[in-house]
Amino acid sequence: MTEPAFDELIHPPHRLKMCAILATAQSWEFSTIRDMLDVSDSVLSKQVKVLQDAGYVTVTKAPHNSRTRTWLALTETGRAALAAHLAELRRITDLASVADFPSAN
């Protein structure tokens, strides 16, 4: 079982969405992630750099026809951090359960 842990590196919306997408496959092409997040290349590059520096994402470049394709992958460290962060978000949202609040009168 994953121990809940809030991760400030993953939490910003673009990074959280990117990690969630990357967790679904071994790797995704940069342009596909960019299009799914509806962001520019520079915005995605900045977010990837933060996650790459933390050891959460790897970047691989491979020649394809006349251009180079860039692939992103979530590392095992990144997968563990995402799982812990999602567990913490679930724990937090469980606190907001209607049953947990006294009725207002």
PDB file of N, CA and C in Angstrom:
ATOM      1  N   MET A   1       0.840  -1.181   0.000  1.00  0.00           N
ATOM      2  CA  MET A   1       0.000   0.000   0.000  1.00  0.00           C
ATOM      3  C   MET A   1       0.887   1.246   0.000  1.00  0.00           C
ATOM      4  N   THR A   2       0.488   2.231  -0.782  1.00  0.00           N
ATOM      5  CA  THR A   2       1.258   3.461  -0.894  1.00  0.00           C
ATOM      6  C   THR A   2       0.962   4.389   0.274  1.00  0.00           C
ATOM      7  N   GLU A   3       2.022   4.872   0.874  1.00  0.00           N
ATOM      8  CA  GLU A   3       1.890   5.828   1.984  1.00  0.00           C
ATOM      9  C   GLU A   3       1.562   7.202   1.394  1.00  0.00           C
ATOM     10  N   PRO A   4       0.464   7.841   1.829  1.00  0.00           N
ATOM     11  CA  PRO A   4       0.119   9.158   1.296  1.00  0.00           C
ATOM     12  C   PRO A   4       1.208  10.194   1.577  1.00  0.00           C
ATOM     13  N   ALA A   5       1.523  11.002   0.578  1.00  0.00           N
ATOM     14  CA  ALA A   5       2.513  12.068   0.734  1.00  0.00           C
ATOM     15  C   ALA A   5       2.252  13.150  -0.306  1.00  0.00           C
ATOM     16  N   PHE A   6       1.964  14.353   0.168  1.00  0.00           N
ATOM     17  CA  PHE A   6       1.726  15.476  -0.738  1.00  0.00           C
ATOM     18  C   PHE A   6       3.040  15.839  -1.414  1.00  0.00           C
ATOM     19  N   ASP A   7       3.020  15.983  -2.736  1.00  0.00           N
ATOM     20  CA  ASP A   7       4.231  16.286  -3.500  1.00  0.00           C
ATOM     21  C   ASP A   7       4.035  17.610  -4.228  1.00  0.00           C
ATOM     22  N   GLU A   8       4.705  18.653  -3.748  1.00  0.00           N
ATOM     23  CA  GLU A   8       4.549  19.983  -4.331  1.00  0.00           C
ATOM     24  C   GLU A   8       5.095  20.072  -5.758  1.00  0.00           C
ATOM     25  N   LEU A   9       6.007  19.184  -6.129  1.00  0.00           N
ATOM     26  CA  LEU A   9       6.517  19.184  -7.504  1.00  0.00           C
ATOM     27  C   LEU A   9       5.467  18.669  -8.481  1.00  0.00           C
ATOM     28  N   ILE A  10       4.715  17.672  -8.076  1.00  0.00           N
ATOM     29  CA  ILE A  10       3.705  17.082  -8.956  1.00  0.00           C
ATOM     30  C   ILE A  10       2.407  17.880  -8.946  1.00  0.00           C
ATOM     31  N   HIS A  11       2.085  18.532  -7.854  1.00  0.00           N
ATOM     32  CA  HIS A  11       0.763  19.113  -7.643  1.00  0.00           C
ATOM     33  C   HIS A  11       0.284  20.168  -8.650  1.00  0.00           C
ATOM     34  N   PRO A  12       1.129  21.075  -9.164  1.00  0.00           N
ATOM     35  CA  PRO A  12       0.607  22.057 -10.123  1.00  0.00           C
ATOM     36  C   PRO A  12      -0.140  21.349 -11.269  1.00  0.00           C
ATOM     37  N   PRO A  13      -1.266  21.916 -11.701  1.00  0.00           N
ATOM     38  CA  PRO A  13      -2.146  21.222 -12.651  1.00  0.00           C
ATOM     39  C   PRO A  13      -1.478  20.609 -13.878  1.00  0.00           C
ATOM     40  N   HIS A  14      -0.607  21.355 -14.571  1.00  0.00           N
ATOM     41  CA  HIS A  14       0.007  20.788 -15.773  1.00  0.00           C
ATOM     42  C   HIS A  14       0.887  19.587 -15.437  1.00  0.00           C
ATOM     43  N   ARG A  15       1.625  19.677 -14.348  1.00  0.00           N
ATOM     44  CA  ARG A  15       2.498  18.560 -13.971  1.00  0.00           C
ATOM     45  C   ARG A  15       1.682  17.359 -13.504  1.00  0.00           C
ATOM     46  N   LEU A  16       0.640  17.612 -12.743  1.00  0.00           N
ATOM     47  CA  LEU A  16      -0.207  16.519 -12.269  1.00  0.00           C
ATOM     48  C   LEU A  16      -0.866  15.800 -13.443  1.00  0.00           C
ATOM     49  N   LYS A  17      -1.412  16.560 -14.371  1.00  0.00           N
ATOM     50  CA  LYS A  17      -2.031  15.954 -15.555  1.00  0.00           C
ATOM     51  C   LYS A  17      -1.002  15.192 -16.381  1.00  0.00           C
ATOM     52  N   MET A  18       0.184  15.801 -16.560  1.00  0.00           N
ATOM     53  CA  MET A  18       1.235  15.142 -17.335  1.00  0.00           C
ATOM     54  C   MET A  18       1.628  13.815 -16.694  1.00  0.00           C
ATOM     55  N   CYS A  19       1.836  13.804 -15.397  1.00  0.00           N
ATOM     56  CA  CYS A  19       2.209  12.573 -14.705  1.00  0.00           C
ATOM     57  C   CYS A  19       1.108  11.528 -14.814  1.00  0.00           C
ATOM     58  N   ALA A  20      -0.131  11.958 -14.694  1.00  0.00           N
ATOM     59  CA  ALA A  20      -1.251  11.024 -14.810  1.00  0.00           C
ATOM     60  C   ALA A  20      -1.291  10.400 -16.203  1.00  0.00           C
ATOM     61  N   ILE A  21      -1.061  11.201 -17.220  1.00  0.00           N
ATOM     62  CA  ILE A  21      -1.039  10.680 -18.592  1.00  0.00           C
ATOM     63  C   ILE A  21       0.147   9.738 -18.772  1.00  0.00           C
ATOM     64  N   LEU A  22       1.329  10.167 -18.332  1.00  0.00           N
ATOM     65  CA  LEU A  22       2.528   9.343 -18.502  1.00  0.00           C
ATOM     66  C   LEU A  22       2.422   8.013 -17.764  1.00  0.00           C
ATOM     67  N   ALA A  23       1.649   7.975 -16.696  1.00  0.00           N
ATOM     68  CA  ALA A  23       1.499   6.739 -15.922  1.00  0.00           C
ATOM     69  C   ALA A  23       0.723   5.671 -16.680  1.00  0.00           C
ATOM     70  N   THR A  24       0.033   6.061 -17.750  1.00  0.00           N
ATOM     71  CA  THR A  24      -0.804   5.113 -18.483  1.00  0.00           C
ATOM     72  C   THR A  24      -0.046   4.301 -19.538  1.00  0.00           C
ATOM     73  N   ALA A  25       1.203   4.654 -19.802  1.00  0.00           N
ATOM     74  CA  ALA A  25       1.973   3.958 -20.837  1.00  0.00           C
ATOM     75  C   ALA A  25       3.451   4.003 -20.505  1.00  0.00           C
ATOM     76  N   GLN A  26       4.226   3.244 -21.258  1.00  0.00           N
ATOM     77  CA  GLN A  26       5.674   3.246 -21.036  1.00  0.00           C
ATOM     78  C   GLN A  26       6.269   4.605 -21.387  1.00  0.00           C
ATOM     79  N   SER A  27       5.779   5.230 -22.466  1.00  0.00           N
ATOM     80  CA  SER A  27       6.231   6.566 -22.847  1.00  0.00           C
ATOM     81  C   SER A  27       5.195   7.190 -23.779  1.00  0.00           C
ATOM     82  N   TRP A  28       5.275   8.514 -23.870  1.00  0.00           N
ATOM     83  CA  TRP A  28       4.393   9.290 -24.745  1.00  0.00           C
ATOM     84  C   TRP A  28       5.258  10.278 -25.499  1.00  0.00           C
ATOM     85  N   GLU A  29       4.856  10.589 -26.724  1.00  0.00           N
ATOM     86  CA  GLU A  29       5.585  11.586 -27.497  1.00  0.00           C
ATOM     87  C   GLU A  29       5.273  12.979 -26.943  1.00  0.00           C
ATOM     88  N   PHE A  30       6.296  13.817 -26.891  1.00  0.00           N
ATOM     89  CA  PHE A  30       6.188  15.180 -26.374  1.00  0.00           C
ATOM     90  C   PHE A  30       5.003  15.915 -26.990  1.00  0.00           C
ATOM     91  N   SER A  31       4.883  15.864 -28.317  1.00  0.00           N
ATOM     92  CA  SER A  31       3.821  16.617 -28.999  1.00  0.00           C
ATOM     93  C   SER A  31       2.429  16.126 -28.608  1.00  0.00           C
ATOM     94  N   THR A  32       2.291  14.849 -28.317  1.00  0.00           N
ATOM     95  CA  THR A  32       0.992  14.313 -27.893  1.00  0.00           C
ATOM     96  C   THR A  32       0.624  14.860 -26.523  1.00  0.00           C
ATOM     97  N   ILE A  33       1.583  14.867 -25.612  1.00  0.00           N
ATOM     98  CA  ILE A  33       1.336  15.422 -24.276  1.00  0.00           C
ATOM     99  C   ILE A  33       1.011  16.903 -24.384  1.00  0.00           C
ATOM    100  N   ARG A  34       1.772  17.613 -25.200  1.00  0.00           N
ATOM    101  CA  ARG A  34       1.535  19.049 -25.410  1.00  0.00           C
ATOM    102  C   ARG A  34       0.097  19.292 -25.877  1.00  0.00           C
ATOM    103  N   ASP A  35      -0.332  18.504 -26.850  1.00  0.00           N
ATOM    104  CA  ASP A  35      -1.684  18.668 -27.381  1.00  0.00           C
ATOM    105  C   ASP A  35      -2.747  18.273 -26.357  1.00  0.00           C
ATOM    106  N   MET A  36      -2.504  17.224 -25.601  1.00  0.00           N
ATOM    107  CA  MET A  36      -3.467  16.791 -24.586  1.00  0.00           C
ATOM    108  C   MET A  36      -3.626  17.837 -23.487  1.00  0.00           C
ATOM    109  N   LEU A  37      -2.527  18.511 -23.135  1.00  0.00           N
ATOM    110  CA  LEU A  37      -2.573  19.535 -22.098  1.00  0.00           C
ATOM    111  C   LEU A  37      -2.972  20.898 -22.662  1.00  0.00           C
ATOM    112  N   ASP A  38      -2.960  21.023 -23.989  1.00  0.00           N
ATOM    113  CA  ASP A  38      -3.287  22.271 -24.669  1.00  0.00           C
ATOM    114  C   ASP A  38      -2.384  23.412 -24.189  1.00  0.00           C
ATOM    115  N   VAL A  39      -1.077  23.154 -24.254  1.00  0.00           N
ATOM    116  CA  VAL A  39      -0.078  24.145 -23.870  1.00  0.00           C
ATOM    117  C   VAL A  39       0.939  24.303 -25.002  1.00  0.00           C
ATOM    118  N   SER A  40       1.755  25.329 -24.912  1.00  0.00           N
ATOM    119  CA  SER A  40       2.808  25.545 -25.906  1.00  0.00           C
ATOM    120  C   SER A  40       3.997  24.630 -25.608  1.00  0.00           C
ATOM    121  N   ASP A  41       4.879  24.520 -26.589  1.00  0.00           N
ATOM    122  CA  ASP A  41       6.110  23.743 -26.394  1.00  0.00           C
ATOM    123  C   ASP A  41       6.907  24.277 -25.211  1.00  0.00           C
ATOM    124  N   SER A  42       7.012  25.610 -25.106  1.00  0.00           N
ATOM    125  CA  SER A  42       7.841  26.184 -24.044  1.00  0.00           C
ATOM    126  C   SER A  42       7.242  25.927 -22.665  1.00  0.00           C
ATOM    127  N   VAL A  43       5.919  25.995 -22.539  1.00  0.00           N
ATOM    128  CA  VAL A  43       5.283  25.718 -21.252  1.00  0.00           C
ATOM    129  C   VAL A  43       5.525  24.269 -20.858  1.00  0.00           C
ATOM    130  N   LEU A  44       5.324  23.365 -21.805  1.00  0.00           N
ATOM    131  CA  LEU A  44       5.538  21.949 -21.488  1.00  0.00           C
ATOM    132  C   LEU A  44       7.005  21.683 -21.178  1.00  0.00           C
ATOM    133  N   SER A  45       7.901  22.273 -21.933  1.00  0.00           N
ATOM    134  CA  SER A  45       9.339  22.069 -21.697  1.00  0.00           C
ATOM    135  C   SER A  45       9.732  22.474 -20.282  1.00  0.00           C
ATOM    136  N   LYS A  46       9.205  23.591 -19.805  1.00  0.00           N
ATOM    137  CA  LYS A  46       9.519  24.050 -18.442  1.00  0.00           C
ATOM    138  C   LYS A  46       9.015  23.057 -17.404  1.00  0.00           C
ATOM    139  N   GLN A  47       7.815  22.528 -17.616  1.00  0.00           N
ATOM    140  CA  GLN A  47       7.244  21.579 -16.666  1.00  0.00           C
ATOM    141  C   GLN A  47       8.014  20.254 -16.693  1.00  0.00           C
ATOM    142  N   VAL A  48       8.382  19.825 -17.887  1.00  0.00           N
ATOM    143  CA  VAL A  48       9.167  18.596 -18.030  1.00  0.00           C
ATOM    144  C   VAL A  48      10.510  18.754 -17.326  1.00  0.00           C
ATOM    145  N   LYS A  49      11.145  19.906 -17.480  1.00  0.00           N
ATOM    146  CA  LYS A  49      12.456  20.147 -16.865  1.00  0.00           C
ATOM    147  C   LYS A  49      12.395  20.011 -15.349  1.00  0.00           C
ATOM    148  N   VAL A  50      11.347  20.554 -14.729  1.00  0.00           N
ATOM    149  CA  VAL A  50      11.192  20.450 -13.276  1.00  0.00           C
ATOM    150  C   VAL A  50      11.086  18.980 -12.866  1.00  0.00           C
ATOM    151  N   LEU A  51      10.256  18.231 -13.583  1.00  0.00           N
ATOM    152  CA  LEU A  51      10.069  16.811 -13.251  1.00  0.00           C
ATOM    153  C   LEU A  51      11.313  15.982 -13.578  1.00  0.00           C
ATOM    154  N   GLN A  52      12.001  16.355 -14.639  1.00  0.00           N
ATOM    155  CA  GLN A  52      13.238  15.662 -15.019  1.00  0.00           C
ATOM    156  C   GLN A  52      14.321  15.899 -13.971  1.00  0.00           C
ATOM    157  N   ASP A  53      14.458  17.132 -13.510  1.00  0.00           N
ATOM    158  CA  ASP A  53      15.453  17.452 -12.485  1.00  0.00           C
ATOM    159  C   ASP A  53      15.189  16.700 -11.180  1.00  0.00           C
ATOM    160  N   ALA A  54      13.922  16.414 -10.908  1.00  0.00           N
ATOM    161  CA  ALA A  54      13.547  15.676  -9.696  1.00  0.00           C
ATOM    162  C   ALA A  54      13.706  14.168  -9.877  1.00  0.00           C
ATOM    163  N   GLY A  55      14.007  13.731 -11.104  1.00  0.00           N
ATOM    164  CA  GLY A  55      14.151  12.301 -11.370  1.00  0.00           C
ATOM    165  C   GLY A  55      12.825  11.595 -11.602  1.00  0.00           C
ATOM    166  N   TYR A  56      11.772  12.365 -11.874  1.00  0.00           N
ATOM    167  CA  TYR A  56      10.436  11.794 -12.073  1.00  0.00           C
ATOM    168  C   TYR A  56      10.145  11.450 -13.536  1.00  0.00           C
ATOM    169  N   VAL A  57      10.826  12.136 -14.454  1.00  0.00           N
ATOM    170  CA  VAL A  57      10.563  11.958 -15.887  1.00  0.00           C
ATOM    171  C   VAL A  57      11.890  11.822 -16.625  1.00  0.00           C
ATOM    172  N   THR A  58      11.898  10.964 -17.636  1.00  0.00           N
ATOM    173  CA  THR A  58      13.050  10.886 -18.538  1.00  0.00           C
ATOM    174  C   THR A  58      12.630  11.427 -19.900  1.00  0.00           C
ATOM    175  N   VAL A  59      13.598  11.980 -20.614  1.00  0.00           N
ATOM    176  CA  VAL A  59      13.386  12.519 -21.949  1.00  0.00           C
ATOM    177  C   VAL A  59      14.332  11.789 -22.888  1.00  0.00           C
ATOM    178  N   THR A  60      13.766  11.222 -23.955  1.00  0.00           N
ATOM    179  CA  THR A  60      14.558  10.492 -24.934  1.00  0.00           C
ATOM    180  C   THR A  60      14.280  11.058 -26.315  1.00  0.00           C
ATOM    181  N   LYS A  61      15.334  11.318 -27.053  1.00  0.00           N
ATOM    182  CA  LYS A  61      15.172  11.835 -28.420  1.00  0.00           C
ATOM    183  C   LYS A  61      15.566  10.733 -29.397  1.00  0.00           C
ATOM    184  N   ALA A  62      14.731  10.561 -30.434  1.00  0.00           N
ATOM    185  CA  ALA A  62      14.987   9.517 -31.422  1.00  0.00           C
ATOM    186  C   ALA A  62      14.729  10.077 -32.818  1.00  0.00           C
ATOM    187  N   PRO A  63      15.671   9.833 -33.741  1.00  0.00           N
ATOM    188  CA  PRO A  63      15.451  10.315 -35.111  1.00  0.00           C
ATOM    189  C   PRO A  63      14.281   9.568 -35.752  1.00  0.00           C
ATOM    190  N   HIS A  64      13.488  10.310 -36.505  1.00  0.00           N
ATOM    191  CA  HIS A  64      12.350   9.723 -37.214  1.00  0.00           C
ATOM    192  C   HIS A  64      12.194  10.477 -38.529  1.00  0.00           C
ATOM    193  N   ASN A  65      12.470   9.795 -39.630  1.00  0.00           N
ATOM    194  CA  ASN A  65      12.468  10.429 -40.955  1.00  0.00           C
ATOM    195  C   ASN A  65      13.384  11.648 -40.929  1.00  0.00           C
ATOM    196  N   SER A  66      12.869  12.826 -41.230  1.00  0.00           N
ATOM    197  CA  SER A  66      13.733  14.008 -41.305  1.00  0.00           C
ATOM    198  C   SER A  66      13.721  14.834 -40.016  1.00  0.00           C
ATOM    199  N   ARG A  67      13.080  14.324 -38.974  1.00  0.00           N
ATOM    200  CA  ARG A  67      13.034  15.099 -37.728  1.00  0.00           C
ATOM    201  C   ARG A  67      13.337  14.211 -36.530  1.00  0.00           C
ATOM    202  N   THR A  68      13.501  14.846 -35.404  1.00  0.00           N
ATOM    203  CA  THR A  68      13.755  14.119 -34.164  1.00  0.00           C
ATOM    204  C   THR A  68      12.479  14.119 -33.337  1.00  0.00           C
ATOM    205  N   ARG A  69      12.095  12.961 -32.850  1.00  0.00           N
ATOM    206  CA  ARG A  69      10.923  12.856 -31.978  1.00  0.00           C
ATOM    207  C   ARG A  69      11.402  12.778 -30.531  1.00  0.00           C
ATOM    208  N   THR A  70      10.673  13.472 -29.671  1.00  0.00           N
ATOM    209  CA  THR A  70      11.015  13.497 -28.252  1.00  0.00           C
ATOM    210  C   THR A  70       9.973  12.701 -27.486  1.00  0.00           C
ATOM    211  N   TRP A  71      10.464  11.768 -26.670  1.00  0.00           N
ATOM    212  CA  TRP A  71       9.590  10.885 -25.894  1.00  0.00           C
ATOM    213  C   TRP A  71       9.765  11.168 -24.408  1.00  0.00           C
ATOM    214  N   LEU A  72       8.666  11.164 -23.692  1.00  0.00           N
ATOM    215  CA  LEU A  72       8.670  11.380 -22.250  1.00  0.00           C
ATOM    216  C   LEU A  72       8.217  10.111 -21.557  1.00  0.00           C
ATOM    217  N   ALA A  73       8.841   9.806 -20.435  1.00  0.00           N
ATOM    218  CA  ALA A  73       8.460   8.619 -19.671  1.00  0.00           C
ATOM    219  C   ALA A  73       8.543   8.929 -18.182  1.00  0.00           C
ATOM    220  N   LEU A  74       7.615   8.373 -17.439  1.00  0.00           N
ATOM    221  CA  LEU A  74       7.614   8.501 -15.991  1.00  0.00           C
ATOM    222  C   LEU A  74       8.556   7.437 -15.433  1.00  0.00           C
ATOM    223  N   THR A  75       9.490   7.838 -14.596  1.00  0.00           N
ATOM    224  CA  THR A  75      10.423   6.888 -13.987  1.00  0.00           C
ATOM    225  C   THR A  75       9.722   6.127 -12.861  1.00  0.00           C
ATOM    226  N   GLU A  76      10.375   5.116 -12.333  1.00  0.00           N
ATOM    227  CA  GLU A  76       9.818   4.394 -11.181  1.00  0.00           C
ATOM    228  C   GLU A  76       9.675   5.341  -9.991  1.00  0.00           C
ATOM    229  N   THR A  77      10.646   6.239  -9.831  1.00  0.00           N
ATOM    230  CA  THR A  77      10.564   7.242  -8.767  1.00  0.00           C
ATOM    231  C   THR A  77       9.355   8.145  -8.989  1.00  0.00           C
ATOM    232  N   GLY A  78       9.143   8.541 -10.228  1.00  0.00           N
ATOM    233  CA  GLY A  78       7.999   9.378 -10.574  1.00  0.00           C
ATOM    234  C   GLY A  78       6.682   8.662 -10.346  1.00  0.00           C
ATOM    235  N   ARG A  79       6.629   7.383 -10.710  1.00  0.00           N
ATOM    236  CA  ARG A  79       5.401   6.597 -10.492  1.00  0.00           C
ATOM    237  C   ARG A  79       5.092   6.473  -9.003  1.00  0.00           C
ATOM    238  N   ALA A  80       6.125   6.261  -8.206  1.00  0.00           N
ATOM    239  CA  ALA A  80       5.927   6.145  -6.760  1.00  0.00           C
ATOM    240  C   ALA A  80       5.473   7.481  -6.169  1.00  0.00           C
ATOM    241  N   ALA A  81       6.080   8.577  -6.635  1.00  0.00           N
ATOM    242  CA  ALA A  81       5.703   9.900  -6.142  1.00  0.00           C
ATOM    243  C   ALA A  81       4.265  10.232  -6.538  1.00  0.00           C
ATOM    244  N   LEU A  82       3.880   9.893  -7.763  1.00  0.00           N
ATOM    245  CA  LEU A  82       2.506  10.134  -8.206  1.00  0.00           C
ATOM    246  C   LEU A  82       1.522   9.315  -7.381  1.00  0.00           C
ATOM    247  N   ALA A  83       1.826   8.055  -7.158  1.00  0.00           N
ATOM    248  CA  ALA A  83       0.933   7.194  -6.369  1.00  0.00           C
ATOM    249  C   ALA A  83       0.766   7.747  -4.952  1.00  0.00           C
ATOM    250  N   ALA A  84       1.853   8.192  -4.344  1.00  0.00           N
ATOM    251  CA  ALA A  84       1.790   8.752  -2.997  1.00  0.00           C
ATOM    252  C   ALA A  84       0.997  10.054  -2.983  1.00  0.00           C
ATOM    253  N   HIS A  85       1.199  10.873  -4.000  1.00  0.00           N
ATOM    254  CA  HIS A  85       0.483  12.153  -4.082  1.00  0.00           C
ATOM    255  C   HIS A  85      -1.017  11.909  -4.266  1.00  0.00           C
ATOM    256  N   LEU A  86      -1.375  10.996  -5.156  1.00  0.00           N
ATOM    257  CA  LEU A  86      -2.795  10.687  -5.364  1.00  0.00           C
ATOM    258  C   LEU A  86      -3.421  10.103  -4.100  1.00  0.00           C
ATOM    259  N   ALA A  87      -2.673   9.281  -3.383  1.00  0.00           N
ATOM    260  CA  ALA A  87      -3.178   8.733  -2.120  1.00  0.00           C
ATOM    261  C   ALA A  87      -3.430   9.852  -1.113  1.00  0.00           C
ATOM    262  N   GLU A  88      -2.545  10.836  -1.083  1.00  0.00           N
ATOM    263  CA  GLU A  88      -2.731  11.966  -0.175  1.00  0.00           C
ATOM    264  C   GLU A  88      -3.930  12.816  -0.592  1.00  0.00           C
ATOM    265  N   LEU A  89      -4.103  13.029  -1.883  1.00  0.00           N
ATOM    266  CA  LEU A  89      -5.267  13.783  -2.350  1.00  0.00           C
ATOM    267  C   LEU A  89      -6.565  13.051  -1.984  1.00  0.00           C
ATOM    268  N   ARG A  90      -6.559  11.735  -2.112  1.00  0.00           N
ATOM    269  CA  ARG A  90      -7.741  10.954  -1.704  1.00  0.00           C
ATOM    270  C   ARG A  90      -7.992  11.105  -0.212  1.00  0.00           C
ATOM    271  N   ARG A  91      -6.925  11.062   0.573  1.00  0.00           N
ATOM    272  CA  ARG A  91      -7.054  11.208   2.019  1.00  0.00           C
ATOM    273  C   ARG A  91      -7.638  12.582   2.359  1.00  0.00           C
ATOM    274  N   ILE A  92      -7.157  13.609   1.671  1.00  0.00           N
ATOM    275  CA  ILE A  92      -7.648  14.961   1.912  1.00  0.00           C
ATOM    276  C   ILE A  92      -9.122  15.073   1.522  1.00  0.00           C
ATOM    277  N   THR A  93      -9.474  14.534   0.370  1.00  0.00           N
ATOM    278  CA  THR A  93     -10.871  14.636  -0.061  1.00  0.00           C
ATOM    279  C   THR A  93     -11.791  13.826   0.845  1.00  0.00           C
ATOM    280  N   ASP A  94     -11.285  12.766   1.410  1.00  0.00           N
ATOM    281  CA  ASP A  94     -12.096  11.993   2.361  1.00  0.00           C
ATOM    282  C   ASP A  94     -12.443  12.838   3.584  1.00  0.00           C
ATOM    283  N   LEU A  95     -11.568  13.772   3.938  1.00  0.00           N
ATOM    284  CA  LEU A  95     -11.839  14.657   5.062  1.00  0.00           C
ATOM    285  C   LEU A  95     -13.051  15.550   4.803  1.00  0.00           C
ATOM    286  N   ALA A  96     -13.301  15.807   3.528  1.00  0.00           N
ATOM    287  CA  ALA A  96     -14.398  16.690   3.158  1.00  0.00           C
ATOM    288  C   ALA A  96     -15.723  15.955   2.979  1.00  0.00           C
ATOM    289  N   SER A  97     -15.755  14.729   3.349  1.00  0.00           N
ATOM    290  CA  SER A  97     -16.981  13.945   3.232  1.00  0.00           C
ATOM    291  C   SER A  97     -18.101  14.625   4.025  1.00  0.00           C
ATOM    292  N   VAL A  98     -19.265  14.675   3.437  1.00  0.00           N
ATOM    293  CA  VAL A  98     -20.419  15.310   4.092  1.00  0.00           C
ATOM    294  C   VAL A  98     -20.674  14.689   5.459  1.00  0.00           C
ATOM    295  N   ALA A  99     -20.457  13.419   5.577  1.00  0.00           N
ATOM    296  CA  ALA A  99     -20.709  12.732   6.854  1.00  0.00           C
ATOM    297  C   ALA A  99     -19.772  13.224   7.958  1.00  0.00           C
ATOM    298  N   ASP A 100     -18.655  13.807   7.584  1.00  0.00           N
ATOM    299  CA  ASP A 100     -17.687  14.260   8.570  1.00  0.00           C
ATOM    300  C   ASP A 100     -18.012  15.623   9.158  1.00  0.00           C
ATOM    301  N   PHE A 101     -18.949  16.356   8.561  1.00  0.00           N
ATOM    302  CA  PHE A 101     -19.266  17.703   9.016  1.00  0.00           C
ATOM    303  C   PHE A 101     -20.547  17.692   9.836  1.00  0.00           C
ATOM    304  N   PRO A 102     -20.532  18.392  10.972  1.00  0.00           N
ATOM    305  CA  PRO A 102     -21.780  18.515  11.731  1.00  0.00           C
ATOM    306  C   PRO A 102     -22.780  19.332  10.935  1.00  0.00           C
ATOM    307  N   SER A 103     -24.040  19.045  11.093  1.00  0.00           N
ATOM    308  CA  SER A 103     -25.049  19.810  10.353  1.00  0.00           C
ATOM    309  C   SER A 103     -25.080  21.237  10.863  1.00  0.00           C
ATOM    310  N   ALA A 104     -25.240  22.168   9.937  1.00  0.00           N
ATOM    311  CA  ALA A 104     -25.274  23.589  10.283  1.00  0.00           C
ATOM    312  C   ALA A 104     -26.699  23.983  10.646  1.00  0.00           C
ATOM    313  N   ASN A 105     -26.873  24.607  11.758  1.00  0.00           N
ATOM    314  CA  ASN A 105     -28.193  25.093  12.180  1.00  0.00           C
ATOM    315  C   ASN A 105     -28.091  26.520  12.624  1.00  0.00           C
TER     316      ASN A 105
END
